[in-house]
């Protein structure tokens, strides 16, 4: 099971990142656990200096932008 973490304080881009991440995981048929990390202290501890950010299985994949579904699928595959 993939552990997906959306880092952000709940801004529109953070919500958009959560949606495209879920879409990518569902299109790949993956089992996943999606967690929203909203505390700044926790976000910084995961290595993100800008939000929104995506962490897959503990590895920061993107920070400061919303990638495409196709980009996220490559990181999940």
N, C-alpha and C. Protein backbone atom coordinates (compact mmCIF):
# COMPACT_ATOMS: atom_id res chain seq x y z
N UNK A 1 0.84 -1.18 0.00
CA UNK A 1 0.00 0.00 0.00
C UNK A 1 0.88 1.25 0.00
N UNK A 2 0.55 2.19 -0.88
CA UNK A 2 1.30 3.45 -0.97
C UNK A 2 0.82 4.40 0.11
N UNK A 3 1.79 5.11 0.71
CA UNK A 3 1.44 6.16 1.66
C UNK A 3 1.63 7.50 0.95
N UNK A 4 0.53 8.20 0.74
CA UNK A 4 0.55 9.48 0.04
C UNK A 4 0.22 10.59 1.04
N UNK A 5 1.05 11.61 1.06
CA UNK A 5 0.84 12.73 1.96
C UNK A 5 0.76 14.02 1.15
N UNK A 6 -0.32 14.75 1.36
CA UNK A 6 -0.50 16.07 0.75
C UNK A 6 -0.12 17.08 1.82
N UNK A 7 0.89 17.90 1.53
CA UNK A 7 1.34 18.89 2.50
C UNK A 7 0.80 20.25 2.09
N UNK A 8 0.07 20.87 3.02
CA UNK A 8 -0.48 22.18 2.73
C UNK A 8 -1.50 22.57 3.78
N UNK A 9 -1.79 23.85 3.82
CA UNK A 9 -2.67 24.37 4.87
C UNK A 9 -4.14 24.36 4.47
N UNK A 10 -4.47 23.79 3.32
CA UNK A 10 -5.87 23.71 2.91
C UNK A 10 -6.24 24.72 1.84
N UNK A 11 -5.25 25.30 1.18
CA UNK A 11 -5.50 26.28 0.11
C UNK A 11 -6.11 25.57 -1.11
N UNK A 12 -6.66 26.33 -2.05
CA UNK A 12 -7.24 25.70 -3.25
C UNK A 12 -6.25 24.79 -4.00
N UNK A 13 -4.98 25.20 -4.11
CA UNK A 13 -3.99 24.36 -4.80
C UNK A 13 -3.73 23.06 -4.03
N UNK A 14 -3.80 23.12 -2.71
CA UNK A 14 -3.61 21.92 -1.90
C UNK A 14 -4.76 20.93 -2.17
N UNK A 15 -5.96 21.46 -2.25
CA UNK A 15 -7.13 20.61 -2.55
C UNK A 15 -7.01 20.03 -3.95
N UNK A 16 -6.54 20.84 -4.89
CA UNK A 16 -6.35 20.38 -6.27
C UNK A 16 -5.31 19.26 -6.33
N UNK A 17 -4.22 19.42 -5.59
CA UNK A 17 -3.18 18.38 -5.56
C UNK A 17 -3.74 17.08 -4.99
N UNK A 18 -4.56 17.17 -3.95
CA UNK A 18 -5.17 15.97 -3.37
C UNK A 18 -6.05 15.27 -4.41
N UNK A 19 -6.82 16.05 -5.17
CA UNK A 19 -7.70 15.47 -6.18
C UNK A 19 -6.93 14.77 -7.29
N UNK A 20 -5.89 15.44 -7.83
CA UNK A 20 -5.15 14.81 -8.94
C UNK A 20 -4.34 13.60 -8.45
N UNK A 21 -3.88 13.64 -7.20
CA UNK A 21 -3.14 12.50 -6.64
C UNK A 21 -4.07 11.30 -6.50
N UNK A 22 -5.27 11.54 -5.97
CA UNK A 22 -6.24 10.43 -5.84
C UNK A 22 -6.63 9.88 -7.21
N UNK A 23 -6.82 10.77 -8.18
CA UNK A 23 -7.17 10.34 -9.53
C UNK A 23 -6.06 9.45 -10.10
N UNK A 24 -4.81 9.87 -9.95
CA UNK A 24 -3.69 9.09 -10.47
C UNK A 24 -3.63 7.71 -9.81
N UNK A 25 -3.76 7.67 -8.50
CA UNK A 25 -3.70 6.39 -7.77
C UNK A 25 -4.85 5.47 -8.19
N UNK A 26 -6.04 6.05 -8.37
CA UNK A 26 -7.20 5.23 -8.77
C UNK A 26 -7.03 4.72 -10.20
N UNK A 27 -6.50 5.57 -11.10
CA UNK A 27 -6.30 5.13 -12.49
C UNK A 27 -5.28 4.00 -12.57
N UNK A 28 -4.33 3.98 -11.64
CA UNK A 28 -3.34 2.90 -11.61
C UNK A 28 -3.84 1.68 -10.84
N UNK A 29 -5.00 1.83 -10.19
CA UNK A 29 -5.56 0.72 -9.42
C UNK A 29 -4.78 0.42 -8.16
N UNK A 30 -4.13 1.43 -7.59
CA UNK A 30 -3.30 1.22 -6.40
C UNK A 30 -4.12 1.25 -5.12
N UNK A 31 -3.63 0.51 -4.14
CA UNK A 31 -4.13 0.67 -2.78
C UNK A 31 -3.30 1.76 -2.16
N UNK A 32 -3.95 2.72 -1.53
CA UNK A 32 -3.20 3.84 -0.98
C UNK A 32 -3.89 4.40 0.26
N UNK A 33 -3.09 5.08 1.04
CA UNK A 33 -3.57 5.78 2.22
C UNK A 33 -3.22 7.25 2.00
N UNK A 34 -4.22 8.12 1.91
CA UNK A 34 -3.99 9.54 1.66
C UNK A 34 -4.13 10.31 2.96
N UNK A 35 -3.06 11.01 3.31
CA UNK A 35 -3.04 11.80 4.54
C UNK A 35 -2.81 13.26 4.18
N UNK A 36 -3.56 14.14 4.83
CA UNK A 36 -3.36 15.57 4.62
C UNK A 36 -2.59 16.12 5.81
N UNK A 37 -1.42 16.67 5.54
CA UNK A 37 -0.56 17.22 6.58
C UNK A 37 -0.72 18.74 6.53
N UNK A 38 -1.26 19.33 7.60
CA UNK A 38 -1.60 20.76 7.56
C UNK A 38 -0.79 21.62 8.53
N UNK A 39 -0.12 20.99 9.50
CA UNK A 39 0.66 21.78 10.46
C UNK A 39 2.00 22.16 9.84
N UNK A 40 2.32 23.46 9.89
CA UNK A 40 3.56 23.95 9.28
C UNK A 40 4.79 23.22 9.79
N UNK A 41 4.82 22.94 11.08
CA UNK A 41 5.96 22.24 11.68
C UNK A 41 6.14 20.85 11.04
N UNK A 42 5.02 20.15 10.82
CA UNK A 42 5.07 18.81 10.22
C UNK A 42 5.47 18.90 8.74
N UNK A 43 4.96 19.93 8.05
CA UNK A 43 5.29 20.11 6.63
C UNK A 43 6.80 20.33 6.47
N UNK A 44 7.36 21.20 7.30
CA UNK A 44 8.79 21.47 7.22
C UNK A 44 9.62 20.25 7.60
N UNK A 45 9.14 19.46 8.56
CA UNK A 45 9.85 18.25 8.98
C UNK A 45 9.95 17.24 7.84
N UNK A 46 8.98 17.28 6.91
CA UNK A 46 8.99 16.39 5.75
C UNK A 46 9.82 16.94 4.60
N UNK A 47 10.42 18.11 4.79
CA UNK A 47 11.36 18.65 3.81
C UNK A 47 10.79 19.64 2.82
N UNK A 48 9.52 20.00 2.97
CA UNK A 48 8.91 20.92 2.01
C UNK A 48 9.04 22.36 2.50
N UNK A 49 9.53 23.22 1.62
CA UNK A 49 9.65 24.64 1.95
C UNK A 49 8.51 25.43 1.32
N UNK A 50 7.83 24.84 0.33
CA UNK A 50 6.69 25.48 -0.33
C UNK A 50 5.55 24.48 -0.41
N UNK A 51 4.33 24.99 -0.38
CA UNK A 51 3.16 24.13 -0.55
C UNK A 51 2.42 24.57 -1.81
N UNK A 52 1.62 23.71 -2.39
CA UNK A 52 1.39 22.35 -1.94
C UNK A 52 2.59 21.45 -2.25
N UNK A 53 2.65 20.34 -1.55
CA UNK A 53 3.72 19.38 -1.78
C UNK A 53 3.15 17.96 -1.67
N UNK A 54 3.82 17.03 -2.33
CA UNK A 54 3.40 15.63 -2.32
C UNK A 54 4.56 14.77 -1.85
N UNK A 55 4.28 13.92 -0.87
CA UNK A 55 5.25 12.95 -0.36
C UNK A 55 4.68 11.55 -0.65
N UNK A 56 5.49 10.71 -1.30
CA UNK A 56 5.10 9.33 -1.61
C UNK A 56 6.02 8.41 -0.85
N UNK A 57 5.46 7.59 0.03
CA UNK A 57 6.24 6.64 0.83
C UNK A 57 7.45 7.31 1.49
N UNK A 58 7.23 8.50 2.04
CA UNK A 58 8.28 9.19 2.79
C UNK A 58 9.24 10.02 1.94
N UNK A 59 9.06 10.01 0.61
CA UNK A 59 9.97 10.75 -0.28
C UNK A 59 9.24 11.94 -0.90
N UNK A 60 9.80 13.13 -0.69
CA UNK A 60 9.22 14.35 -1.26
C UNK A 60 9.35 14.30 -2.78
N UNK A 61 8.22 14.39 -3.49
CA UNK A 61 8.23 14.29 -4.96
C UNK A 61 8.08 15.64 -5.63
N UNK A 62 7.28 16.53 -5.05
CA UNK A 62 7.06 17.85 -5.66
C UNK A 62 6.68 18.84 -4.59
N UNK A 63 7.11 20.08 -4.79
CA UNK A 63 6.81 21.13 -3.82
C UNK A 63 6.59 22.44 -4.57
N UNK A 64 5.53 23.15 -4.21
CA UNK A 64 5.29 24.47 -4.78
C UNK A 64 4.48 24.52 -6.05
N UNK A 65 4.01 23.35 -6.53
CA UNK A 65 3.17 23.36 -7.73
C UNK A 65 2.28 22.13 -7.74
N UNK A 66 1.29 22.16 -8.62
CA UNK A 66 0.40 21.01 -8.80
C UNK A 66 0.79 20.33 -10.11
N UNK A 67 1.37 19.13 -10.02
CA UNK A 67 1.77 18.42 -11.24
C UNK A 67 0.55 17.81 -11.94
N UNK A 68 0.76 17.32 -13.14
CA UNK A 68 -0.32 16.66 -13.89
C UNK A 68 -0.55 15.25 -13.33
N UNK A 69 -1.71 14.71 -13.67
CA UNK A 69 -2.04 13.32 -13.29
C UNK A 69 -0.97 12.39 -13.84
N UNK A 70 -0.53 12.62 -15.08
CA UNK A 70 0.48 11.74 -15.70
C UNK A 70 1.81 11.78 -14.94
N UNK A 71 2.23 12.97 -14.49
CA UNK A 71 3.47 13.07 -13.70
C UNK A 71 3.35 12.24 -12.42
N UNK A 72 2.23 12.41 -11.75
CA UNK A 72 2.02 11.70 -10.47
C UNK A 72 2.00 10.20 -10.71
N UNK A 73 1.37 9.75 -11.80
CA UNK A 73 1.33 8.32 -12.11
C UNK A 73 2.74 7.76 -12.25
N UNK A 74 3.65 8.52 -12.87
CA UNK A 74 5.04 8.04 -13.02
C UNK A 74 5.68 7.84 -11.65
N UNK A 75 5.42 8.76 -10.71
CA UNK A 75 6.00 8.63 -9.37
C UNK A 75 5.40 7.47 -8.60
N UNK A 76 4.15 7.13 -8.89
CA UNK A 76 3.47 6.06 -8.15
C UNK A 76 3.76 4.69 -8.72
N UNK A 77 4.10 4.64 -10.01
CA UNK A 77 4.25 3.34 -10.69
C UNK A 77 5.48 2.58 -10.17
